[in-house]
């Protein structure tokens, strides 16, 4: 990570910085595997705008009263801090 990127990611702890190097499976719109890329590169806006996609998951938890548990993302997360991604 460059010094400019390190500065921009100043809110990240050492473990989060290490996790940016984790490899993600890159897919096309039909979930066919195209290869792999780092977490960091998968979440760069310029790559997202080019159509770079990776596998992900969500969990919805309902109780017996049909209430939904909603968890807010940490403000310290590298990707989408304090909230969740919005689909356009």
Protein backbone atom coordinates (compact mmCIF):
# COMPACT_ATOMS: atom_id res chain seq x y z
CA UNK A 1 0.00 0.00 0.00
CA UNK A 2 1.38 3.40 -0.94
CA UNK A 3 2.00 6.12 1.64
CA UNK A 4 -0.98 8.10 0.27
CA UNK A 5 -3.20 5.05 0.64
CA UNK A 6 -1.86 4.42 4.15
CA UNK A 7 -2.70 8.00 5.06
CA UNK A 8 -6.22 7.68 3.65
CA UNK A 9 -6.65 4.41 5.54
CA UNK A 10 -5.40 5.92 8.81
CA UNK A 11 -8.46 4.71 10.71
CA UNK A 12 -7.57 1.07 10.02
CA UNK A 13 -5.78 -1.11 12.52
CA UNK A 14 -2.99 -3.52 11.58
CA UNK A 15 -5.34 -6.50 11.20
CA UNK A 16 -7.63 -4.59 8.84
CA UNK A 17 -4.64 -3.50 6.76
CA UNK A 18 -3.49 -7.12 6.51
CA UNK A 19 -6.96 -8.23 5.43
CA UNK A 20 -6.85 -5.86 2.46
CA UNK A 21 -4.37 -8.33 0.93
CA UNK A 22 -6.81 -11.28 1.21
CA UNK A 23 -7.75 -12.77 -2.14
CA UNK A 24 -11.36 -12.71 -3.34
CA UNK A 25 -12.90 -14.79 -6.11
CA UNK A 26 -13.68 -12.52 -9.08
CA UNK A 27 -16.80 -13.45 -11.04
CA UNK A 28 -18.86 -12.33 -14.02
CA UNK A 29 -22.59 -11.55 -13.97
CA UNK A 30 -23.36 -15.31 -14.26
CA UNK A 31 -21.18 -16.21 -11.24
CA UNK A 32 -18.54 -17.79 -13.49
CA UNK A 33 -15.10 -17.54 -11.91
CA UNK A 34 -12.76 -15.22 -13.79
CA UNK A 35 -9.86 -15.28 -11.35
CA UNK A 36 -8.89 -13.66 -8.07
CA UNK A 37 -8.04 -10.20 -6.82
CA UNK A 38 -7.19 -8.61 -3.48
CA UNK A 39 -9.93 -7.31 -1.21
CA UNK A 40 -8.49 -3.83 -1.62
CA UNK A 41 -8.59 -3.93 -5.43
CA UNK A 42 -12.11 -5.39 -5.41
CA UNK A 43 -13.35 -2.41 -3.42
CA UNK A 44 -11.64 0.43 -5.27
CA UNK A 45 -14.33 2.62 -6.86
CA UNK A 46 -12.47 2.68 -10.21
CA UNK A 47 -12.56 -1.13 -10.37
CA UNK A 48 -16.20 -1.34 -9.29
CA UNK A 49 -17.05 1.16 -12.04
CA UNK A 50 -15.26 -1.11 -14.54
CA UNK A 51 -17.55 -3.98 -13.48
CA UNK A 52 -15.18 -5.92 -11.22
CA UNK A 53 -17.37 -8.18 -9.08
CA UNK A 54 -16.64 -10.65 -6.30
CA UNK A 55 -18.71 -13.09 -4.33
CA UNK A 56 -20.32 -11.84 -1.15
CA UNK A 57 -23.09 -12.78 1.22
CA UNK A 58 -25.68 -11.29 3.52
CA UNK A 59 -27.53 -12.72 6.49
CA UNK A 60 -31.07 -11.78 7.47
CA UNK A 61 -32.19 -12.80 10.96
CA UNK A 62 -35.88 -12.81 11.87
CA UNK A 63 -37.34 -13.85 15.21
CA UNK A 64 -40.69 -15.52 15.90
CA UNK A 65 -42.37 -12.07 15.92
CA UNK A 66 -41.20 -11.35 12.34
CA UNK A 67 -38.79 -8.73 13.66
CA UNK A 68 -35.58 -8.23 11.69
CA UNK A 69 -32.20 -7.81 13.35
CA UNK A 70 -30.31 -4.94 11.70
CA UNK A 71 -26.61 -4.50 12.39
CA UNK A 72 -24.80 -1.29 11.54
CA UNK A 73 -21.29 -1.60 10.12
CA UNK A 74 -18.44 -0.26 12.16
CA UNK A 75 -17.20 3.24 11.34
CA UNK A 76 -13.70 1.71 11.27
CA UNK A 77 -14.39 -0.57 8.28
CA UNK A 78 -12.40 0.05 5.09
CA UNK A 79 -15.36 -0.62 2.83
CA UNK A 80 -18.65 1.17 3.45
CA UNK A 81 -17.90 2.36 7.01
CA UNK A 82 -20.94 3.06 9.18
CA UNK A 83 -23.47 1.67 6.79
CA UNK A 84 -23.98 -0.75 4.00
CA UNK A 85 -23.52 -0.56 0.23
CA UNK A 86 -26.45 0.74 -1.76
CA UNK A 87 -27.31 -0.75 -5.11
CA UNK A 88 -27.85 1.67 -7.94
